């Protein structure tokens, strides 16, 4: 059984009945690049050293990895999928990290880019979890988020973060 000791934050989306219809988790802030799941995703692939280096260079300012984003099939899937990328800013707020790291397949990159994530173009995609996919590494930088996110999405991220920060005490 896997415990929750590596999960710093977990976001769950609930529908009007209280049923969980999506979510994503945050791991970190990391103290070593070896903690990142991205290393497993690039194991044996070109770019593994670049992945390790890009994580290692950012560690002093805080790196949190977003993992396992999912939505339940059905009418709420598109709405939930548009909410999950907006968790970058509240994650940075609560963890103190400057950087968010995520890996994503081609079919979801644009959605994540809307919230300020940028593909690390210098790192070749990995065929993870299998040859049907091209998984890319993405970064969010708190210092550039206001420039990189689409303006409307950034406003929603600010609103979401303020609402959550006002209602949550970390450590309670």
Protein backbone atom coordinates (compact mmCIF):
# COMPACT_ATOMS: atom_id res chain seq x y z
CA UNK A 1 0.00 0.00 0.00
CA UNK A 2 1.22 3.50 -0.83
CA UNK A 3 0.88 6.15 1.86
CA UNK A 4 0.25 9.84 1.38
CA UNK A 5 3.58 10.90 2.88
CA UNK A 6 4.90 12.16 -0.48
CA UNK A 7 1.80 14.26 -1.21
CA UNK A 8 2.02 17.84 0.02
CA UNK A 9 -1.35 18.95 -1.38
CA UNK A 10 -4.28 17.20 -2.99
CA UNK A 11 -6.96 19.00 -4.96
CA UNK A 12 -10.31 17.31 -5.49
CA UNK A 13 -13.13 18.60 -7.70
CA UNK A 14 -16.61 17.73 -6.49
CA UNK A 15 -19.83 17.83 -8.48
CA UNK A 16 -23.11 19.19 -7.07
CA UNK A 17 -23.78 15.84 -5.34
CA UNK A 18 -20.41 15.79 -3.59
CA UNK A 19 -18.98 13.09 -5.86
CA UNK A 20 -15.28 13.48 -6.67
CA UNK A 21 -15.03 14.09 -10.43
CA UNK A 22 -11.36 14.99 -10.75
CA UNK A 23 -8.19 15.90 -8.97
CA UNK A 24 -4.47 16.39 -8.95
CA UNK A 25 -1.77 16.07 -6.30
CA UNK A 26 1.38 18.01 -5.51
CA UNK A 27 4.63 16.46 -4.32
CA UNK A 28 7.39 18.51 -2.73
CA UNK A 29 9.00 20.88 -2.36
CA UNK A 30 11.80 18.55 -3.31
CA UNK A 31 15.22 18.57 -1.70
CA UNK A 32 16.80 16.47 -4.46
CA UNK A 33 16.08 15.99 -8.15
CA UNK A 34 16.07 12.25 -7.44
CA UNK A 35 12.63 12.66 -5.83
CA UNK A 36 10.98 13.52 -9.15
CA UNK A 37 8.89 10.96 -10.96
CA UNK A 38 9.97 12.60 -14.21
CA UNK A 39 13.28 10.74 -13.93
CA UNK A 40 11.39 7.44 -14.22
CA UNK A 41 9.48 8.78 -17.21
CA UNK A 42 12.74 9.56 -19.04
CA UNK A 43 14.67 6.49 -17.82
CA UNK A 44 16.58 5.04 -20.76
CA UNK A 45 15.47 7.90 -23.04
CA UNK A 46 17.37 10.80 -24.58
CA UNK A 47 17.09 13.84 -22.35
CA UNK A 48 17.29 12.13 -18.96
CA UNK A 49 20.35 14.20 -17.99
CA UNK A 50 18.57 17.37 -19.15
CA UNK A 51 15.57 16.54 -16.96
CA UNK A 52 17.77 15.99 -13.90
CA UNK A 53 19.73 19.19 -14.60
CA UNK A 54 16.64 21.35 -15.10
CA UNK A 55 15.17 20.15 -11.79
CA UNK A 56 18.47 20.43 -9.92
CA UNK A 57 19.09 24.02 -11.02
CA UNK A 58 15.69 25.12 -9.68
CA UNK A 59 15.78 23.29 -6.32
CA UNK A 60 17.19 26.22 -4.30
CA UNK A 61 14.06 28.27 -5.06
CA UNK A 62 11.60 25.42 -4.56
CA UNK A 63 10.27 22.76 -6.94
CA UNK A 64 6.91 21.05 -6.55
CA UNK A 65 5.74 18.35 -8.96
CA UNK A 66 2.10 18.01 -9.98
CA UNK A 67 1.08 14.40 -10.59
CA UNK A 68 -1.85 12.22 -11.53
CA UNK A 69 -4.27 14.84 -12.85
CA UNK A 70 -7.52 13.14 -13.80
CA UNK A 71 -11.15 13.79 -14.61
CA UNK A 72 -14.09 11.44 -14.49
CA UNK A 73 -15.79 10.81 -17.82
CA UNK A 74 -19.03 12.65 -18.37
CA UNK A 75 -20.49 16.09 -18.74
CA UNK A 76 -18.20 17.76 -16.19
CA UNK A 77 -14.91 16.48 -17.62
CA UNK A 78 -14.09 19.56 -19.73
CA UNK A 79 -14.91 21.96 -16.90
CA UNK A 80 -12.84 20.02 -14.39
CA UNK A 81 -9.97 19.72 -16.87
CA UNK A 82 -9.90 23.52 -17.17
CA UNK A 83 -9.78 23.91 -13.37
CA UNK A 84 -6.88 21.58 -12.62
CA UNK A 85 -4.10 23.64 -14.28
CA UNK A 86 -5.14 26.62 -12.16
CA UNK A 87 -3.84 24.83 -9.06
CA UNK A 88 -0.29 26.00 -9.88
CA UNK A 89 -0.60 29.35 -8.10
CA UNK A 90 -2.23 28.10 -4.88
CA UNK A 91 0.36 25.30 -4.80
CA UNK A 92 3.15 27.88 -4.99
CA UNK A 93 1.41 29.93 -2.31
CA UNK A 94 1.04 27.07 0.17
CA UNK A 95 4.42 25.41 -0.42
CA UNK A 96 6.53 28.54 -0.93
CA UNK A 97 7.97 27.02 -4.11
CA UNK A 98 8.84 29.23 -7.06
CA UNK A 99 8.57 26.42 -9.63
CA UNK A 100 5.96 23.83 -10.53
CA UNK A 101 7.00 20.84 -12.61
CA UNK A 102 4.62 18.57 -14.49
CA UNK A 103 4.85 16.03 -17.25
CA UNK A 104 2.09 15.79 -19.81
CA UNK A 105 1.21 14.08 -23.06
CA UNK A 106 0.75 16.10 -26.25
CA UNK A 107 -3.04 16.06 -26.05
CA UNK A 108 -3.13 18.09 -22.80
CA UNK A 109 -0.21 20.49 -23.27
CA UNK A 110 -2.29 23.41 -24.58
CA UNK A 111 -4.66 23.29 -21.62
CA UNK A 112 -1.75 23.37 -19.16
CA UNK A 113 -0.02 26.15 -21.11
CA UNK A 114 -3.08 28.38 -20.60
CA UNK A 115 -2.22 28.53 -16.89
CA UNK A 116 1.38 29.58 -17.53
CA UNK A 117 3.08 26.22 -17.93
CA UNK A 118 5.81 26.19 -20.54
CA UNK A 119 7.17 23.10 -22.27
CA UNK A 120 10.90 22.60 -21.79
CA UNK A 121 11.56 22.55 -25.53
CA UNK A 122 15.23 21.61 -25.08
CA UNK A 123 14.20 18.25 -23.59
CA UNK A 124 13.05 15.64 -26.13
CA UNK A 125 9.65 14.10 -25.36
CA UNK A 126 9.63 10.65 -23.82
CA UNK A 127 7.44 7.76 -25.02
CA UNK A 128 5.89 7.43 -21.56
CA UNK A 129 4.04 5.39 -20.42
CA UNK A 130 4.35 3.67 -23.82
CA UNK A 131 5.07 4.35 -27.48
CA UNK A 132 1.56 5.73 -28.09
CA UNK A 133 2.46 8.87 -26.07
CA UNK A 134 4.90 11.75 -26.28
CA UNK A 135 5.32 13.03 -22.74
CA UNK A 136 6.85 16.48 -22.31
CA UNK A 137 8.26 18.28 -19.28
CA UNK A 138 6.61 21.58 -18.33
CA UNK A 139 7.54 24.36 -15.91
CA UNK A 140 5.57 27.11 -14.20
CA UNK A 141 7.64 29.99 -12.80
CA UNK A 142 5.96 32.12 -10.13
CA UNK A 143 8.06 35.12 -11.20
CA UNK A 144 6.65 34.87 -14.76
CA UNK A 145 3.20 33.48 -14.16
CA UNK A 146 1.50 36.83 -14.72
CA UNK A 147 3.19 37.01 -18.14
CA UNK A 148 2.92 33.36 -19.19
CA UNK A 149 -0.67 32.56 -18.23
CA UNK A 150 -3.55 33.74 -20.36
CA UNK A 151 -4.89 36.92 -18.70
CA UNK A 152 -8.35 35.55 -17.88
CA UNK A 153 -6.89 32.32 -16.51
CA UNK A 154 -4.39 34.27 -14.41
CA UNK A 155 -7.21 36.39 -12.92
CA UNK A 156 -9.06 33.20 -12.01
CA UNK A 157 -5.88 31.78 -10.46
CA UNK A 158 -5.48 34.91 -8.31
CA UNK A 159 -9.14 34.72 -7.26
CA UNK A 160 -8.92 30.98 -6.51
CA UNK A 161 -5.73 31.40 -4.50
CA UNK A 162 -7.15 34.26 -2.45
CA UNK A 163 -10.34 32.31 -1.72
CA UNK A 164 -8.46 29.21 -0.64
CA UNK A 165 -5.82 31.13 1.33
CA UNK A 166 -8.55 32.99 3.25
CA UNK A 167 -10.31 29.78 4.22
CA UNK A 168 -7.38 27.44 4.96
CA UNK A 169 -4.75 27.46 7.65
CA UNK A 170 -1.82 25.28 6.67
CA UNK A 171 -0.90 22.89 9.46
CA UNK A 172 -4.31 22.85 11.14
